[in-house]
C-alpha atoms as a PDB file:
ATOM      1  CA  MET A   1     -75.568  35.597 -68.020  1.00  0.00           C
ATOM      2  CA  GLN A   2     -77.237  37.373 -65.096  1.00  0.00           C
ATOM      3  CA  ALA A   3     -76.759  34.339 -62.818  1.00  0.00           C
ATOM      4  CA  ALA A   4     -73.062  34.144 -63.680  1.00  0.00           C
ATOM      5  CA  ARG A   5     -72.635  37.844 -62.965  1.00  0.00           C
ATOM      6  CA  GLY A   6     -74.472  37.540 -59.636  1.00  0.00           C
ATOM      7  CA  THR A   7     -72.230  34.637 -58.634  1.00  0.00           C
ATOM      8  CA  ALA A   8     -69.089  36.556 -59.546  1.00  0.00           C
ATOM      9  CA  LEU A   9     -70.214  39.453 -57.375  1.00  0.00           C
ATOM     10  CA  THR A  10     -70.536  37.204 -54.333  1.00  0.00           C
ATOM     11  CA  LYS A  11     -66.990  35.783 -54.558  1.00  0.00           C
ATOM     12  CA  PRO A  12     -65.423  38.635 -52.536  1.00  0.00           C
ATOM     13  CA  ARG A  13     -68.122  38.206 -49.879  1.00  0.00           C
ATOM     14  CA  VAL A  14     -67.426  34.485 -49.632  1.00  0.00           C
ATOM     15  CA  LEU A  15     -63.690  35.255 -49.461  1.00  0.00           C
ATOM     16  CA  LEU A  16     -64.277  37.736 -46.632  1.00  0.00           C
ATOM     17  CA  VAL A  17     -66.253  35.163 -44.648  1.00  0.00           C
ATOM     18  CA  LEU A  18     -63.633  32.452 -45.230  1.00  0.00           C
ATOM     19  CA  VAL A  19     -60.735  34.705 -44.205  1.00  0.00           C
ATOM     20  CA  ALA A  20     -62.648  35.876 -41.122  1.00  0.00           C
ATOM     21  CA  LEU A  21     -63.451  32.291 -40.123  1.00  0.00           C
ATOM     22  CA  VAL A  22     -59.844  31.140 -40.565  1.00  0.00           C
ATOM     23  CA  ALA A  23     -58.563  34.072 -38.482  1.00  0.00           C
ATOM     24  CA  LEU A  24     -61.229  33.541 -35.813  1.00  0.00           C
ATOM     25  CA  LEU A  25     -60.761  29.782 -35.556  1.00  0.00           C
ATOM     26  CA  ALA A  26     -56.955  30.111 -35.504  1.00  0.00           C
ATOM     27  CA  ASP A  27     -57.260  32.688 -32.717  1.00  0.00           C
ATOM     28  CA  ILE A  28     -59.720  30.696 -30.615  1.00  0.00           C
ATOM     29  CA  GLY A  29     -57.826  27.441 -31.171  1.00  0.00           C
ATOM     30  CA  THR A  30     -54.437  28.852 -30.214  1.00  0.00           C
ATOM     31  CA  LYS A  31     -55.859  30.563 -27.130  1.00  0.00           C
ATOM     32  CA  LEU A  32     -57.545  27.361 -25.965  1.00  0.00           C
ATOM     33  CA  LEU A  33     -54.316  25.445 -26.540  1.00  0.00           C
ATOM     34  CA  VAL A  34     -51.988  27.853 -24.753  1.00  0.00           C
ATOM     35  CA  VAL A  35     -54.335  28.345 -21.796  1.00  0.00           C
ATOM     36  CA  ALA A  36     -54.657  24.565 -21.399  1.00  0.00           C
ATOM     37  CA  ARG A  37     -50.952  23.827 -21.872  1.00  0.00           C
ATOM     38  CA  LEU A  38     -49.050  26.920 -20.723  1.00  0.00           C
ATOM     39  CA  GLU A  39     -51.026  28.812 -18.102  1.00  0.00           C
ATOM     40  CA  GLY A  40     -49.177  28.738 -14.790  1.00  0.00           C
ATOM     41  CA  LYS A  41     -46.128  27.119 -16.400  1.00  0.00           C
ATOM     42  CA  GLU A  42     -42.720  28.356 -17.436  1.00  0.00           C
ATOM     43  CA  PRO A  43     -42.613  30.301 -20.713  1.00  0.00           C
ATOM     44  CA  ILE A  44     -41.422  28.509 -23.833  1.00  0.00           C
ATOM     45  CA  GLU A  45     -38.617  30.214 -25.736  1.00  0.00           C
ATOM     46  CA  LEU A  46     -38.459  29.704 -29.490  1.00  0.00           C
ATOM     47  CA  LEU A  47     -35.905  30.754 -32.098  1.00  0.00           C
ATOM     48  CA  GLY A  48     -33.194  31.353 -29.521  1.00  0.00           C
ATOM     49  CA  GLY A  49     -35.429  33.591 -27.417  1.00  0.00           C
ATOM     50  CA  ALA A  50     -36.648  35.724 -30.345  1.00  0.00           C
ATOM     51  CA  VAL A  51     -40.190  34.531 -29.592  1.00  0.00           C
ATOM     52  CA  THR A  52     -41.545  33.549 -26.189  1.00  0.00           C
ATOM     53  CA  LEU A  53     -44.859  31.826 -25.527  1.00  0.00           C
ATOM     54  CA  ALA A  54     -46.380  32.701 -22.155  1.00  0.00           C
ATOM     55  CA  VAL A  55     -49.999  33.301 -21.190  1.00  0.00           C
ATOM     56  CA  SER A  56     -50.970  36.765 -20.025  1.00  0.00           C
ATOM     57  CA  ARG A  57     -54.320  38.512 -19.682  1.00  0.00           C
ATOM     58  CA  ASN A  58     -54.935  41.964 -21.110  1.00  0.00           C
ATOM     59  CA  SER A  59     -58.045  43.950 -20.235  1.00  0.00           C
ATOM     60  CA  GLY A  60     -56.879  46.900 -22.328  1.00  0.00           C
ATOM     61  CA  ALA A  61     -55.759  47.451 -25.899  1.00  0.00           C
ATOM     62  CA  ALA A  62     -52.329  46.988 -27.476  1.00  0.00           C
ATOM     63  CA  PHE A  63     -49.422  47.504 -25.077  1.00  0.00           C
ATOM     64  CA  SER A  64     -51.970  47.154 -22.221  1.00  0.00           C
ATOM     65  CA  PHE A  65     -53.214  50.654 -23.037  1.00  0.00           C
ATOM     66  CA  ALA A  66     -56.340  51.778 -21.134  1.00  0.00           C
ATOM     67  CA  GLU A  67     -56.752  48.646 -19.038  1.00  0.00           C
ATOM     68  CA  GLY A  68     -59.765  50.124 -17.242  1.00  0.00           C
ATOM     69  CA  ALA A  69     -61.677  50.616 -20.512  1.00  0.00           C
ATOM     70  CA  THR A  70     -62.509  46.989 -21.308  1.00  0.00           C
ATOM     71  CA  VAL A  71     -66.183  47.777 -21.909  1.00  0.00           C
ATOM     72  CA  VAL A  72     -65.178  50.477 -24.409  1.00  0.00           C
ATOM     73  CA  PHE A  73     -63.023  47.996 -26.342  1.00  0.00           C
ATOM     74  CA  THR A  74     -65.900  45.522 -26.314  1.00  0.00           C
ATOM     75  CA  LEU A  75     -68.164  48.154 -27.887  1.00  0.00           C
ATOM     76  CA  VAL A  76     -65.479  49.129 -30.418  1.00  0.00           C
ATOM     77  CA  ALA A  77     -65.113  45.491 -31.503  1.00  0.00           C
ATOM     78  CA  VAL A  78     -68.888  45.206 -31.934  1.00  0.00           C
ATOM     79  CA  GLY A  79     -68.861  48.461 -33.915  1.00  0.00           C
ATOM     80  CA  VAL A  80     -66.088  47.206 -36.213  1.00  0.00           C
ATOM     81  CA  ALA A  81     -67.967  43.964 -36.848  1.00  0.00           C
ATOM     82  CA  VAL A  82     -71.206  45.816 -37.611  1.00  0.00           C
ATOM     83  CA  PHE A  83     -69.405  48.235 -39.943  1.00  0.00           C
ATOM     84  CA  ILE A  84     -67.804  45.382 -41.889  1.00  0.00           C
ATOM     85  CA  VAL A  85     -71.074  43.468 -42.186  1.00  0.00           C
ATOM     86  CA  ARG A  86     -72.811  46.635 -43.402  1.00  0.00           C
ATOM     87  CA  THR A  87     -70.083  47.011 -46.056  1.00  0.00           C
ATOM     88  CA  LEU A  88     -70.858  43.595 -47.567  1.00  0.00           C
ATOM     89  CA  PRO A  89     -73.445  44.762 -50.131  1.00  0.00           C
ATOM     90  CA  ARG A  90     -70.850  47.100 -51.729  1.00  0.00           C
ATOM     91  CA  LEU A  91     -67.933  44.654 -51.570  1.00  0.00           C
ATOM     92  CA  ARG A  92     -66.559  43.749 -55.019  1.00  0.00           C
ATOM     93  CA  SER A  93     -62.818  43.812 -54.335  1.00  0.00           C
ATOM     94  CA  SER A  94     -60.991  40.599 -53.412  1.00  0.00           C
ATOM     95  CA  ALA A  95     -58.189  42.620 -51.831  1.00  0.00           C
ATOM     96  CA  TRP A  96     -60.670  44.437 -49.594  1.00  0.00           C
ATOM     97  CA  ALA A  97     -62.377  41.103 -48.870  1.00  0.00           C
ATOM     98  CA  VAL A  98     -59.125  39.718 -47.440  1.00  0.00           C
ATOM     99  CA  THR A  99     -58.463  42.966 -45.574  1.00  0.00           C
ATOM    100  CA  LEU A 100     -61.918  43.175 -44.026  1.00  0.00           C
ATOM    101  CA  GLY A 101     -61.924  39.439 -43.322  1.00  0.00           C
ATOM    102  CA  LEU A 102     -58.722  39.785 -41.292  1.00  0.00           C
ATOM    103  CA  LEU A 103     -60.126  42.781 -39.413  1.00  0.00           C
ATOM    104  CA  LEU A 104     -63.430  41.017 -38.736  1.00  0.00           C
ATOM    105  CA  GLY A 105     -61.841  37.741 -37.650  1.00  0.00           C
ATOM    106  CA  GLY A 106     -59.413  39.546 -35.356  1.00  0.00           C
ATOM    107  CA  ALA A 107     -62.043  41.831 -33.846  1.00  0.00           C
ATOM    108  CA  VAL A 108     -64.414  38.939 -33.200  1.00  0.00           C
ATOM    109  CA  GLY A 109     -61.569  36.795 -31.812  1.00  0.00           C
ATOM    110  CA  ASN A 110     -60.753  39.344 -29.135  1.00  0.00           C
ATOM    111  CA  LEU A 111     -64.463  40.066 -28.643  1.00  0.00           C
ATOM    112  CA  VAL A 112     -65.034  36.392 -27.793  1.00  0.00           C
ATOM    113  CA  ASP A 113     -62.493  36.763 -24.973  1.00  0.00           C
ATOM    114  CA  ARG A 114     -64.084  39.976 -23.722  1.00  0.00           C
ATOM    115  CA  LEU A 115     -67.502  38.302 -23.659  1.00  0.00           C
ATOM    116  CA  THR A 116     -66.550  34.907 -22.229  1.00  0.00           C
ATOM    117  CA  ARG A 117     -63.547  35.309 -19.943  1.00  0.00           C
ATOM    118  CA  ALA A 118     -63.239  36.550 -16.361  1.00  0.00           C
ATOM    119  CA  PRO A 119     -64.179  38.834 -14.765  1.00  0.00           C
ATOM    120  CA  GLY A 120     -67.440  38.800 -16.738  1.00  0.00           C
ATOM    121  CA  ILE A 121     -69.411  39.479 -19.890  1.00  0.00           C
ATOM    122  CA  GLY A 122     -68.087  42.528 -21.727  1.00  0.00           C
ATOM    123  CA  ARG A 123     -65.273  42.938 -19.210  1.00  0.00           C
ATOM    124  CA  GLY A 124     -63.181  39.835 -19.893  1.00  0.00           C
ATOM    125  CA  ALA A 125     -59.445  40.024 -20.376  1.00  0.00           C
ATOM    126  CA  VAL A 126     -58.018  38.997 -23.740  1.00  0.00           C
ATOM    127  CA  VAL A 127     -55.545  36.099 -23.729  1.00  0.00           C
ATOM    128  CA  ASP A 128     -52.173  37.152 -25.137  1.00  0.00           C
ATOM    129  CA  PHE A 129     -49.312  34.704 -25.470  1.00  0.00           C
ATOM    130  CA  ILE A 130     -46.807  35.660 -28.180  1.00  0.00           C
ATOM    131  CA  SER A 131     -43.960  37.845 -27.026  1.00  0.00           C
ATOM    132  CA  VAL A 132     -41.036  39.255 -28.965  1.00  0.00           C
ATOM    133  CA  PRO A 133     -38.312  41.456 -27.463  1.00  0.00           C
ATOM    134  CA  HIS A 134     -39.103  45.179 -27.182  1.00  0.00           C
ATOM    135  CA  PHE A 135     -42.721  44.745 -28.245  1.00  0.00           C
ATOM    136  CA  ALA A 136     -46.148  44.055 -26.773  1.00  0.00           C
ATOM    137  CA  THR A 137     -47.395  40.562 -26.026  1.00  0.00           C
ATOM    138  CA  PHE A 138     -50.076  39.672 -28.565  1.00  0.00           C
ATOM    139  CA  ASN A 139     -52.222  36.882 -30.038  1.00  0.00           C
ATOM    140  CA  VAL A 140     -53.423  35.655 -33.445  1.00  0.00           C
ATOM    141  CA  ALA A 141     -56.377  38.089 -33.440  1.00  0.00           C
ATOM    142  CA  ASP A 142     -54.029  41.014 -32.847  1.00  0.00           C
ATOM    143  CA  SER A 143     -51.868  39.817 -35.749  1.00  0.00           C
ATOM    144  CA  ALA A 144     -54.898  39.585 -38.043  1.00  0.00           C
ATOM    145  CA  ILE A 145     -55.994  43.101 -37.054  1.00  0.00           C
ATOM    146  CA  THR A 146     -52.500  44.487 -37.642  1.00  0.00           C
ATOM    147  CA  VAL A 147     -52.101  42.860 -41.068  1.00  0.00           C
ATOM    148  CA  GLY A 148     -55.646  43.934 -41.997  1.00  0.00           C
ATOM    149  CA  ALA A 149     -54.921  47.531 -40.955  1.00  0.00           C
ATOM    150  CA  VAL A 150     -51.690  47.633 -42.990  1.00  0.00           C
ATOM    151  CA  LEU A 151     -53.523  46.237 -46.023  1.00  0.00           C
ATOM    152  CA  ALA A 152     -56.305  48.816 -45.573  1.00  0.00           C
ATOM    153  CA  VAL A 153     -53.759  51.632 -45.602  1.00  0.00           C
ATOM    154  CA  LEU A 154     -52.024  50.220 -48.694  1.00  0.00           C
ATOM    155  CA  LEU A 155     -55.312  49.763 -50.563  1.00  0.00           C
ATOM    156  CA  SER A 156     -56.392  53.272 -49.629  1.00  0.00           C
ATOM    157  CA  LEU A 157     -53.076  54.721 -50.789  1.00  0.00           C
ATOM    158  CA  ARG A 158     -53.477  52.874 -54.095  1.00  0.00           C
ATOM    159  CA  GLY A 159     -56.976  54.323 -54.426  1.00  0.00           C
ATOM    160  CA  VAL A 160     -58.732  50.939 -54.417  1.00  0.00           C
ATOM    161  CA  GLU A 161     -62.339  51.250 -53.278  1.00  0.00           C
ATOM    162  CA  VAL A 162     -64.378  48.530 -51.557  1.00  0.00           C
ATOM    163  CA  ASP A 163     -66.508  48.216 -54.704  1.00  0.00           C
ATOM    164  CA  GLY A 164     -63.398  47.389 -56.750  1.00  0.00           C
ATOM    165  CA  THR A 165     -63.060  50.719 -58.514  1.00  0.00           C
ATOM    166  CA  HIS A 166     -59.970  52.896 -58.383  1.00  0.00           C
ATOM    167  CA  ARG A 167     -60.512  56.343 -56.964  1.00  0.00           C
ATOM    168  CA  ARG A 168     -58.099  58.004 -59.404  1.00  0.00           C
ATOM    169  CA  GLU A 169     -59.253  56.375 -62.621  1.00  0.00           C
ATOM    170  CA  GLY A 170     -62.791  55.339 -61.677  1.00  0.00           C
ATOM    171  CA  THR A 171     -62.080  51.910 -63.193  1.00  0.00           C
ATOM    172  CA  ALA A 172     -62.758  48.482 -61.828  1.00  0.00           C
ATOM    173  CA  GLU A 173     -60.039  46.430 -60.102  1.00  0.00           C
END
């Protein structure tokens, strides 16, 4: 019985890792593809111009905010990753596993750019390539972070804790 219980407790952790890997690999793969196929070429319009694919480099945060603070964003991404990894021992909620997996995969996806792209380690510009009218240009990592953040807010509002309990009732998920 103890072995079965121990296995059940690891399922959210495995889910977190799987979600993070899918988000990370999707981000890295799409960035490699668009840089190889689209950089220096005309943008591709999809859905009647509702979505445009064009490579751009962003050394700042969303909406090119604080472009001179690339090192700060590198440290923030490392901090987010460390925080999520340190949360693993308490993780018992599948919903939080998906949420944290999206946040981790997205943070690491953009961190890979900041560590490996020009102008140098910790100062690299993130590859963005998805553009919609009246909004920032973004990438798969940014999408994962955004969805993860929305889920985190919703879970918090519902009172769901990382350990699977509900704040209001003190009961398990």
